[in-house]
């Protein structure tokens, strides 16, 4: 299983990518990762409200690759559900994550 978080927007308009793959995790962390993904329930999250984001809003695209189709969800800071926010924070806390900046 692999999760990619793409952050775009904000004042600087930089695109940042964070990836975490279970292959890079110790077994106990991979199990915890699976639990975080299950709690976030990305395939059942409702679409965010159809309102224009505020100027300079941080935009998030989250892609989950696992057996079955890839799941993609998009949020702003204001529209992200709390369980998804906790998943993003968990991924950001892992030293095994891979980060890159795109211009």
Foldseek 3Di string as FASTA:
>chain_A
DKKKKWKAFAPVRKIKIKMDDLVLDDPVVSVVLVVLCVQLVQVPDDAFDPDDDDHRWIKIWMWDDDPDDIGIHIDTPVRRDPSVVVSVVSSVPDPSMDMDIDD
